[in-house]
Amino acid sequence: MPRENTREGIDEALADFTTHMRHKLLCVRHRPHWKESSIAFLLARAKEELVELEEAIASGDRKAVVREAADVANFIMMISDNEQWSGTRQADSHEGR
């Protein structure tokens, strides 16, 4: 029987993953804020981290996969954060689409 994407399951997965993302960001908080970086730079870094994620997957090191996935997600989050405009942080639900 296939698994179902429940709100609870999604919330749990997001909570677990964002914990890893937060940890990685806190480890490098001494670096300049991403608002000081261009989208091109952040995208290039995301691509570099994606290569590292692929290598971690190939190695079979599950902990490294989680760490590298958090790195990729953090750079994507930074791009999104830099592109925010007034009102986009409001509850703009795309649920069900």
PDB file of N, CA and C in Angstrom:
ATOM      1  N   MET A   1       0.847  -1.182   0.000  1.00  0.00           N
ATOM      2  CA  MET A   1       0.000   0.000   0.000  1.00  0.00           C
ATOM      3  C   MET A   1       0.893   1.247   0.000  1.00  0.00           C
ATOM      4  N   PRO A   2       0.669   2.163  -0.946  1.00  0.00           N
ATOM      5  CA  PRO A   2       1.511   3.366  -1.004  1.00  0.00           C
ATOM      6  C   PRO A   2       1.283   4.284   0.196  1.00  0.00           C
ATOM      7  N   ARG A   3       2.336   4.964   0.558  1.00  0.00           N
ATOM      8  CA  ARG A   3       2.230   5.937   1.654  1.00  0.00           C
ATOM      9  C   ARG A   3       1.463   7.155   1.195  1.00  0.00           C
ATOM     10  N   GLU A   4       0.832   7.794   2.149  1.00  0.00           N
ATOM     11  CA  GLU A   4       0.067   8.991   1.848  1.00  0.00           C
ATOM     12  C   GLU A   4       0.783  10.201   2.420  1.00  0.00           C
ATOM     13  N   ASN A   5       0.776  11.302   1.702  1.00  0.00           N
ATOM     14  CA  ASN A   5       1.347  12.547   2.187  1.00  0.00           C
ATOM     15  C   ASN A   5       0.330  13.235   3.089  1.00  0.00           C
ATOM     16  N   THR A   6       0.456  12.992   4.372  1.00  0.00           N
ATOM     17  CA  THR A   6      -0.455  13.622   5.319  1.00  0.00           C
ATOM     18  C   THR A   6       0.151  14.918   5.809  1.00  0.00           C
ATOM     19  N   ARG A   7      -0.687  15.799   6.292  1.00  0.00           N
ATOM     20  CA  ARG A   7      -0.197  17.059   6.872  1.00  0.00           C
ATOM     21  C   ARG A   7       0.789  16.764   7.998  1.00  0.00           C
ATOM     22  N   GLU A   8       0.470  15.784   8.836  1.00  0.00           N
ATOM     23  CA  GLU A   8       1.346  15.451   9.965  1.00  0.00           C
ATOM     24  C   GLU A   8       2.701  14.934   9.478  1.00  0.00           C
ATOM     25  N   GLY A   9       2.670  14.076   8.468  1.00  0.00           N
ATOM     26  CA  GLY A   9       3.919  13.541   7.933  1.00  0.00           C
ATOM     27  C   GLY A   9       4.773  14.619   7.288  1.00  0.00           C
ATOM     28  N   ILE A  10       4.123  15.517   6.564  1.00  0.00           N
ATOM     29  CA  ILE A  10       4.834  16.630   5.936  1.00  0.00           C
ATOM     30  C   ILE A  10       5.423  17.537   7.002  1.00  0.00           C
ATOM     31  N   ASP A  11       4.630  17.868   8.016  1.00  0.00           N
ATOM     32  CA  ASP A  11       5.114  18.735   9.096  1.00  0.00           C
ATOM     33  C   ASP A  11       6.298  18.106   9.813  1.00  0.00           C
ATOM     34  N   GLU A  12       6.232  16.800  10.053  1.00  0.00           N
ATOM     35  CA  GLU A  12       7.320  16.106  10.740  1.00  0.00           C
ATOM     36  C   GLU A  12       8.596  16.107   9.900  1.00  0.00           C
ATOM     37  N   ALA A  13       8.458  15.814   8.613  1.00  0.00           N
ATOM     38  CA  ALA A  13       9.630  15.802   7.729  1.00  0.00           C
ATOM     39  C   ALA A  13      10.256  17.190   7.634  1.00  0.00           C
ATOM     40  N   LEU A  14       9.414  18.215   7.521  1.00  0.00           N
ATOM     41  CA  LEU A  14       9.926  19.590   7.461  1.00  0.00           C
ATOM     42  C   LEU A  14      10.610  19.985   8.760  1.00  0.00           C
ATOM     43  N   ALA A  15      10.032  19.623   9.878  1.00  0.00           N
ATOM     44  CA  ALA A  15      10.638  19.955  11.175  1.00  0.00           C
ATOM     45  C   ALA A  15      12.012  19.297  11.310  1.00  0.00           C
ATOM     46  N   ASP A  16      12.103  18.031  10.933  1.00  0.00           N
ATOM     47  CA  ASP A  16      13.385  17.325  11.007  1.00  0.00           C
ATOM     48  C   ASP A  16      14.416  17.974  10.080  1.00  0.00           C
ATOM     49  N   PHE A  17      14.007  18.250   8.855  1.00  0.00           N
ATOM     50  CA  PHE A  17      14.942  18.788   7.873  1.00  0.00           C
ATOM     51  C   PHE A  17      15.375  20.203   8.219  1.00  0.00           C
ATOM     52  N   THR A  18      14.446  21.038   8.650  1.00  0.00           N
ATOM     53  CA  THR A  18      14.819  22.411   8.988  1.00  0.00           C
ATOM     54  C   THR A  18      15.723  22.457  10.215  1.00  0.00           C
ATOM     55  N   THR A  19      15.659  21.449  11.056  1.00  0.00           N
ATOM     56  CA  THR A  19      16.616  21.366  12.172  1.00  0.00           C
ATOM     57  C   THR A  19      18.034  21.235  11.617  1.00  0.00           C
ATOM     58  N   HIS A  20      18.195  20.411  10.600  1.00  0.00           N
ATOM     59  CA  HIS A  20      19.519  20.257   9.971  1.00  0.00           C
ATOM     60  C   HIS A  20      19.934  21.546   9.267  1.00  0.00           C
ATOM     61  N   MET A  21      19.001  22.172   8.585  1.00  0.00           N
ATOM     62  CA  MET A  21      19.308  23.437   7.907  1.00  0.00           C
ATOM     63  C   MET A  21      19.754  24.492   8.915  1.00  0.00           C
ATOM     64  N   ARG A  22      19.017  24.608   9.988  1.00  0.00           N
ATOM     65  CA  ARG A  22      19.321  25.602  11.028  1.00  0.00           C
ATOM     66  C   ARG A  22      20.717  25.355  11.614  1.00  0.00           C
ATOM     67  N   HIS A  23      21.016  24.101  11.912  1.00  0.00           N
ATOM     68  CA  HIS A  23      22.329  23.760  12.474  1.00  0.00           C
ATOM     69  C   HIS A  23      23.450  24.189  11.540  1.00  0.00           C
ATOM     70  N   LYS A  24      23.288  23.876  10.240  1.00  0.00           N
ATOM     71  CA  LYS A  24      24.324  24.250   9.280  1.00  0.00           C
ATOM     72  C   LYS A  24      24.495  25.765   9.198  1.00  0.00           C
ATOM     73  N   LEU A  25      23.388  26.506   9.232  1.00  0.00           N
ATOM     74  CA  LEU A  25      23.478  27.972   9.190  1.00  0.00           C
ATOM     75  C   LEU A  25      24.128  28.535  10.444  1.00  0.00           C
ATOM     76  N   LEU A  26      23.801  27.980  11.590  1.00  0.00           N
ATOM     77  CA  LEU A  26      24.401  28.471  12.830  1.00  0.00           C
ATOM     78  C   LEU A  26      25.910  28.220  12.867  1.00  0.00           C
ATOM     79  N   CYS A  27      26.353  27.152  12.225  1.00  0.00           N
ATOM     80  CA  CYS A  27      27.795  26.857  12.188  1.00  0.00           C
ATOM     81  C   CYS A  27      28.583  27.876  11.367  1.00  0.00           C
ATOM     82  N   VAL A  28      27.905  28.580  10.463  1.00  0.00           N
ATOM     83  CA  VAL A  28      28.604  29.549   9.596  1.00  0.00           C
ATOM     84  C   VAL A  28      28.070  30.966   9.792  1.00  0.00           C
ATOM     85  N   ARG A  29      27.483  31.222  10.936  1.00  0.00           N
ATOM     86  CA  ARG A  29      26.877  32.549  11.142  1.00  0.00           C
ATOM     87  C   ARG A  29      27.895  33.668  11.208  1.00  0.00           C
ATOM     88  N   HIS A  30      29.173  33.353  11.332  1.00  0.00           N
ATOM     89  CA  HIS A  30      30.235  34.363  11.340  1.00  0.00           C
ATOM     90  C   HIS A  30      30.501  34.920   9.937  1.00  0.00           C
ATOM     91  N   ARG A  31      29.991  34.248   8.907  1.00  0.00           N
ATOM     92  CA  ARG A  31      30.201  34.694   7.527  1.00  0.00           C
ATOM     93  C   ARG A  31      29.259  35.854   7.203  1.00  0.00           C
ATOM     94  N   PRO A  32      29.558  36.613   6.146  1.00  0.00           N
ATOM     95  CA  PRO A  32      28.658  37.709   5.753  1.00  0.00           C
ATOM     96  C   PRO A  32      27.249  37.177   5.464  1.00  0.00           C
ATOM     97  N   HIS A  33      26.258  38.017   5.730  1.00  0.00           N
ATOM     98  CA  HIS A  33      24.871  37.624   5.502  1.00  0.00           C
ATOM     99  C   HIS A  33      24.617  37.411   4.012  1.00  0.00           C
ATOM    100  N   TRP A  34      23.756  36.455   3.692  1.00  0.00           N
ATOM    101  CA  TRP A  34      23.466  36.161   2.290  1.00  0.00           C
ATOM    102  C   TRP A  34      22.806  37.316   1.559  1.00  0.00           C
ATOM    103  N   LYS A  35      22.227  38.260   2.290  1.00  0.00           N
ATOM    104  CA  LYS A  35      21.647  39.430   1.635  1.00  0.00           C
ATOM    105  C   LYS A  35      22.733  40.232   0.913  1.00  0.00           C
ATOM    106  N   GLU A  36      23.996  40.018   1.296  1.00  0.00           N
ATOM    107  CA  GLU A  36      25.125  40.699   0.667  1.00  0.00           C
ATOM    108  C   GLU A  36      25.604  39.970  -0.590  1.00  0.00           C
ATOM    109  N   SER A  37      24.997  38.827  -0.894  1.00  0.00           N
ATOM    110  CA  SER A  37      25.431  38.013  -2.034  1.00  0.00           C
ATOM    111  C   SER A  37      24.469  38.155  -3.201  1.00  0.00           C
ATOM    112  N   SER A  38      25.017  38.037  -4.394  1.00  0.00           N
ATOM    113  CA  SER A  38      24.180  38.091  -5.591  1.00  0.00           C
ATOM    114  C   SER A  38      23.460  36.759  -5.778  1.00  0.00           C
ATOM    115  N   ILE A  39      22.378  36.817  -6.520  1.00  0.00           N
ATOM    116  CA  ILE A  39      21.649  35.593  -6.849  1.00  0.00           C
ATOM    117  C   ILE A  39      22.560  34.650  -7.634  1.00  0.00           C
ATOM    118  N   ALA A  40      23.358  35.200  -8.550  1.00  0.00           N
ATOM    119  CA  ALA A  40      24.265  34.369  -9.348  1.00  0.00           C
ATOM    120  C   ALA A  40      25.250  33.615  -8.456  1.00  0.00           C
ATOM    121  N   PHE A  41      25.808  34.300  -7.448  1.00  0.00           N
ATOM    122  CA  PHE A  41      26.735  33.647  -6.526  1.00  0.00           C
ATOM    123  C   PHE A  41      26.038  32.540  -5.749  1.00  0.00           C
ATOM    124  N   LEU A  42      24.856  32.850  -5.213  1.00  0.00           N
ATOM    125  CA  LEU A  42      24.126  31.855  -4.420  1.00  0.00           C
ATOM    126  C   LEU A  42      23.737  30.647  -5.268  1.00  0.00           C
ATOM    127  N   LEU A  43      23.336  30.886  -6.506  1.00  0.00           N
ATOM    128  CA  LEU A  43      22.981  29.786  -7.395  1.00  0.00           C
ATOM    129  C   LEU A  43      24.205  28.927  -7.705  1.00  0.00           C
ATOM    130  N   ALA A  44      25.343  29.561  -7.939  1.00  0.00           N
ATOM    131  CA  ALA A  44      26.578  28.806  -8.192  1.00  0.00           C
ATOM    132  C   ALA A  44      26.938  27.947  -6.987  1.00  0.00           C
ATOM    133  N   ARG A  45      26.783  28.506  -5.795  1.00  0.00           N
ATOM    134  CA  ARG A  45      27.077  27.739  -4.576  1.00  0.00           C
ATOM    135  C   ARG A  45      26.093  26.583  -4.412  1.00  0.00           C
ATOM    136  N   ALA A  46      24.820  26.808  -4.739  1.00  0.00           N
ATOM    137  CA  ALA A  46      23.833  25.732  -4.666  1.00  0.00           C
ATOM    138  C   ALA A  46      24.219  24.591  -5.601  1.00  0.00           C
ATOM    139  N   LYS A  47      24.699  24.942  -6.793  1.00  0.00           N
ATOM    140  CA  LYS A  47      25.120  23.926  -7.754  1.00  0.00           C
ATOM    141  C   LYS A  47      26.334  23.144  -7.240  1.00  0.00           C
ATOM    142  N   GLU A  48      27.269  23.845  -6.608  1.00  0.00           N
ATOM    143  CA  GLU A  48      28.429  23.169  -6.020  1.00  0.00           C
ATOM    144  C   GLU A  48      27.984  22.202  -4.931  1.00  0.00           C
ATOM    145  N   GLU A  49      27.051  22.656  -4.105  1.00  0.00           N
ATOM    146  CA  GLU A  49      26.551  21.798  -3.031  1.00  0.00           C
ATOM    147  C   GLU A  49      25.771  20.615  -3.584  1.00  0.00           C
ATOM    148  N   LEU A  50      25.110  20.804  -4.725  1.00  0.00           N
ATOM    149  CA  LEU A  50      24.385  19.704  -5.355  1.00  0.00           C
ATOM    150  C   LEU A  50      25.351  18.614  -5.804  1.00  0.00           C
ATOM    151  N   VAL A  51      26.500  19.007  -6.316  1.00  0.00           N
ATOM    152  CA  VAL A  51      27.531  18.026  -6.693  1.00  0.00           C
ATOM    153  C   VAL A  51      27.974  17.259  -5.449  1.00  0.00           C
ATOM    154  N   GLU A  52      28.177  17.971  -4.343  1.00  0.00           N
ATOM    155  CA  GLU A  52      28.568  17.311  -3.095  1.00  0.00           C
ATOM    156  C   GLU A  52      27.467  16.366  -2.615  1.00  0.00           C
ATOM    157  N   LEU A  53      26.212  16.737  -2.812  1.00  0.00           N
ATOM    158  CA  LEU A  53      25.098  15.859  -2.445  1.00  0.00           C
ATOM    159  C   LEU A  53      25.128  14.592  -3.296  1.00  0.00           C
ATOM    160  N   GLU A  54      25.357  14.751  -4.592  1.00  0.00           N
ATOM    161  CA  GLU A  54      25.441  13.585  -5.473  1.00  0.00           C
ATOM    162  C   GLU A  54      26.565  12.652  -5.039  1.00  0.00           C
ATOM    163  N   GLU A  55      27.701  13.221  -4.648  1.00  0.00           N
ATOM    164  CA  GLU A  55      28.831  12.411  -4.180  1.00  0.00           C
ATOM    165  C   GLU A  55      28.490  11.694  -2.884  1.00  0.00           C
ATOM    166  N   ALA A  56      27.786  12.368  -1.989  1.00  0.00           N
ATOM    167  CA  ALA A  56      27.381  11.743  -0.728  1.00  0.00           C
ATOM    168  C   ALA A  56      26.420  10.589  -0.986  1.00  0.00           C
ATOM    169  N   ILE A  57      25.496  10.789  -1.920  1.00  0.00           N
ATOM    170  CA  ILE A  57      24.555   9.722  -2.265  1.00  0.00           C
ATOM    171  C   ILE A  57      25.315   8.525  -2.820  1.00  0.00           C
ATOM    172  N   ALA A  58      26.256   8.786  -3.707  1.00  0.00           N
ATOM    173  CA  ALA A  58      27.045   7.711  -4.311  1.00  0.00           C
ATOM    174  C   ALA A  58      27.867   6.960  -3.269  1.00  0.00           C
ATOM    175  N   SER A  59      28.302   7.668  -2.226  1.00  0.00           N
ATOM    176  CA  SER A  59      29.122   7.034  -1.191  1.00  0.00           C
ATOM    177  C   SER A  59      28.313   6.146  -0.260  1.00  0.00           C
ATOM    178  N   GLY A  60      27.014   6.380  -0.217  1.00  0.00           N
ATOM    179  CA  GLY A  60      26.165   5.602   0.687  1.00  0.00           C
ATOM    180  C   GLY A  60      26.184   6.094   2.123  1.00  0.00           C
ATOM    181  N   ASP A  61      26.848   7.209   2.377  1.00  0.00           N
ATOM    182  CA  ASP A  61      26.923   7.784   3.728  1.00  0.00           C
ATOM    183  C   ASP A  61      25.655   8.595   3.988  1.00  0.00           C
ATOM    184  N   ARG A  62      24.710   8.003   4.687  1.00  0.00           N
ATOM    185  CA  ARG A  62      23.404   8.623   4.888  1.00  0.00           C
ATOM    186  C   ARG A  62      23.492   9.930   5.669  1.00  0.00           C
ATOM    187  N   LYS A  63      24.391   9.997   6.644  1.00  0.00           N
ATOM    188  CA  LYS A  63      24.549  11.252   7.395  1.00  0.00           C
ATOM    189  C   LYS A  63      25.076  12.359   6.490  1.00  0.00           C
ATOM    190  N   ALA A  64      26.019  12.027   5.629  1.00  0.00           N
ATOM    191  CA  ALA A  64      26.552  13.016   4.685  1.00  0.00           C
ATOM    192  C   ALA A  64      25.464  13.464   3.717  1.00  0.00           C
ATOM    193  N   VAL A  65      24.585  12.558   3.321  1.00  0.00           N
ATOM    194  CA  VAL A  65      23.485  12.919   2.426  1.00  0.00           C
ATOM    195  C   VAL A  65      22.601  13.969   3.088  1.00  0.00           C
ATOM    196  N   VAL A  66      22.268  13.756   4.344  1.00  0.00           N
ATOM    197  CA  VAL A  66      21.410  14.710   5.061  1.00  0.00           C
ATOM    198  C   VAL A  66      22.115  16.056   5.189  1.00  0.00           C
ATOM    199  N   ARG A  67      23.403  16.034   5.550  1.00  0.00           N
ATOM    200  CA  ARG A  67      24.161  17.290   5.684  1.00  0.00           C
ATOM    201  C   ARG A  67      24.227  18.042   4.370  1.00  0.00           C
ATOM    202  N   GLU A  68      24.529  17.347   3.293  1.00  0.00           N
ATOM    203  CA  GLU A  68      24.658  18.007   1.991  1.00  0.00           C
ATOM    204  C   GLU A  68      23.305  18.470   1.469  1.00  0.00           C
ATOM    205  N   ALA A  69      22.263  17.707   1.736  1.00  0.00           N
ATOM    206  CA  ALA A  69      20.918  18.139   1.330  1.00  0.00           C
ATOM    207  C   ALA A  69      20.548  19.432   2.055  1.00  0.00           C
ATOM    208  N   ALA A  70      20.925  19.544   3.322  1.00  0.00           N
ATOM    209  CA  ALA A  70      20.666  20.774   4.077  1.00  0.00           C
ATOM    210  C   ALA A  70      21.449  21.941   3.480  1.00  0.00           C
ATOM    211  N   ASP A  71      22.675  21.694   3.045  1.00  0.00           N
ATOM    212  CA  ASP A  71      23.459  22.755   2.403  1.00  0.00           C
ATOM    213  C   ASP A  71      22.776  23.242   1.124  1.00  0.00           C
ATOM    214  N   VAL A  72      22.339  22.305   0.286  1.00  0.00           N
ATOM    215  CA  VAL A  72      21.645  22.682  -0.951  1.00  0.00           C
ATOM    216  C   VAL A  72      20.411  23.508  -0.608  1.00  0.00           C
ATOM    217  N   ALA A  73      19.620  23.007   0.322  1.00  0.00           N
ATOM    218  CA  ALA A  73      18.383  23.696   0.700  1.00  0.00           C
ATOM    219  C   ALA A  73      18.658  25.081   1.259  1.00  0.00           C
ATOM    220  N   ASN A  74      19.730  25.222   2.024  1.00  0.00           N
ATOM    221  CA  ASN A  74      20.041  26.540   2.583  1.00  0.00           C
ATOM    222  C   ASN A  74      20.347  27.557   1.493  1.00  0.00           C
ATOM    223  N   PHE A  75      21.088  27.158   0.474  1.00  0.00           N
ATOM    224  CA  PHE A  75      21.372  28.117  -0.597  1.00  0.00           C
ATOM    225  C   PHE A  75      20.112  28.452  -1.382  1.00  0.00           C
ATOM    226  N   ILE A  76      19.237  27.488  -1.582  1.00  0.00           N
ATOM    227  CA  ILE A  76      17.974  27.760  -2.253  1.00  0.00           C
ATOM    228  C   ILE A  76      17.117  28.679  -1.393  1.00  0.00           C
ATOM    229  N   MET A  77      17.112  28.455  -0.088  1.00  0.00           N
ATOM    230  CA  MET A  77      16.382  29.333   0.828  1.00  0.00           C
ATOM    231  C   MET A  77      16.922  30.748   0.757  1.00  0.00           C
ATOM    232  N   MET A  78      18.250  30.895   0.678  1.00  0.00           N
ATOM    233  CA  MET A  78      18.862  32.221   0.599  1.00  0.00           C
ATOM    234  C   MET A  78      18.416  32.955  -0.659  1.00  0.00           C
ATOM    235  N   ILE A  79      18.365  32.232  -1.776  1.00  0.00           N
ATOM    236  CA  ILE A  79      17.886  32.835  -3.025  1.00  0.00           C
ATOM    237  C   ILE A  79      16.446  33.299  -2.842  1.00  0.00           C
ATOM    238  N   SER A  80      15.632  32.442  -2.293  1.00  0.00           N
ATOM    239  CA  SER A  80      14.229  32.799  -2.070  1.00  0.00           C
ATOM    240  C   SER A  80      14.106  34.000  -1.140  1.00  0.00           C
ATOM    241  N   ASP A  81      14.888  33.996  -0.068  1.00  0.00           N
ATOM    242  CA  ASP A  81      14.835  35.093   0.887  1.00  0.00           C
ATOM    243  C   ASP A  81      15.242  36.413   0.239  1.00  0.00           C
ATOM    244  N   ASN A  82      16.262  36.368  -0.600  1.00  0.00           N
ATOM    245  CA  ASN A  82      16.713  37.588  -1.281  1.00  0.00           C
ATOM    246  C   ASN A  82      15.688  38.095  -2.292  1.00  0.00           C
ATOM    247  N   GLU A  83      14.838  37.219  -2.771  1.00  0.00           N
ATOM    248  CA  GLU A  83      13.852  37.599  -3.771  1.00  0.00           C
ATOM    249  C   GLU A  83      12.486  37.955  -3.178  1.00  0.00           C
ATOM    250  N   GLN A  84      12.369  37.908  -1.868  1.00  0.00           N
ATOM    251  CA  GLN A  84      11.093  38.227  -1.222  1.00  0.00           C
ATOM    252  C   GLN A  84      10.746  39.686  -1.450  1.00  0.00           C
ATOM    253  N   TRP A  85       9.479  39.970  -1.548  1.00  0.00           N
ATOM    254  CA  TRP A  85       9.013  41.351  -1.619  1.00  0.00           C
ATOM    255  C   TRP A  85       7.871  41.507  -0.630  1.00  0.00           C
ATOM    256  N   SER A  86       7.491  42.704  -0.401  1.00  0.00           N
ATOM    257  CA  SER A  86       6.474  42.994   0.592  1.00  0.00           C
ATOM    258  C   SER A  86       5.233  42.141   0.370  1.00  0.00           C
ATOM    259  N   GLY A  87       4.837  41.459   1.402  1.00  0.00           N
ATOM    260  CA  GLY A  87       3.619  40.664   1.348  1.00  0.00           C
ATOM    261  C   GLY A  87       3.828  39.195   1.055  1.00  0.00           C
ATOM    262  N   THR A  88       5.013  38.786   0.569  1.00  0.00           N
ATOM    263  CA  THR A  88       5.180  37.376   0.223  1.00  0.00           C
ATOM    264  C   THR A  88       5.349  36.501   1.450  1.00  0.00           C
ATOM    265  N   ARG A  89       5.625  37.106   2.593  1.00  0.00           N
ATOM    266  CA  ARG A  89       5.748  36.307   3.799  1.00  0.00           C
ATOM    267  C   ARG A  89       4.392  36.046   4.439  1.00  0.00           C
ATOM    268  N   GLN A  90       3.346  36.604   3.855  1.00  0.00           N
ATOM    269  CA  GLN A  90       1.995  36.329   4.334  1.00  0.00           C
ATOM    270  C   GLN A  90       1.660  34.879   4.015  1.00  0.00           C
ATOM    271  N   ALA A  91       0.637  34.398   4.662  1.00  0.00           N
ATOM    272  CA  ALA A  91       0.179  33.026   4.396  1.00  0.00           C
ATOM    273  C   ALA A  91      -0.405  32.969   2.998  1.00  0.00           C
ATOM    274  N   ASP A  92       0.401  32.586   2.034  1.00  0.00           N
ATOM    275  CA  ASP A  92      -0.014  32.467   0.644  1.00  0.00           C
ATOM    276  C   ASP A  92      -0.025  30.993   0.310  1.00  0.00           C
ATOM    277  N   SER A  93      -1.077  30.328   0.716  1.00  0.00           N
ATOM    278  CA  SER A  93      -1.135  28.874   0.611  1.00  0.00           C
ATOM    279  C   SER A  93      -1.278  28.422  -0.829  1.00  0.00           C
ATOM    280  N   HIS A  94      -0.453  27.470  -1.181  1.00  0.00           N
ATOM    281  CA  HIS A  94      -0.565  26.812  -2.478  1.00  0.00           C
ATOM    282  C   HIS A  94      -0.986  25.369  -2.267  1.00  0.00           C
ATOM    283  N   GLU A  95      -1.524  25.096  -1.089  1.00  0.00           N
ATOM    284  CA  GLU A  95      -1.918  23.755  -0.738  1.00  0.00           C
ATOM    285  C   GLU A  95      -2.936  23.213  -1.733  1.00  0.00           C
ATOM    286  N   GLY A  96      -2.708  22.011  -2.150  1.00  0.00           N
ATOM    287  CA  GLY A  96      -3.631  21.368  -3.064  1.00  0.00           C
ATOM    288  C   GLY A  96      -3.367  21.657  -4.526  1.00  0.00           C
ATOM    289  N   ARG A  97      -2.362  22.475  -4.816  1.00  0.00           N
ATOM    290  CA  ARG A  97      -2.050  22.789  -6.226  1.00  0.00           C
ATOM    291  C   ARG A  97      -0.869  21.987  -6.674  1.00  0.00           C
TER     292      ARG A  97
END
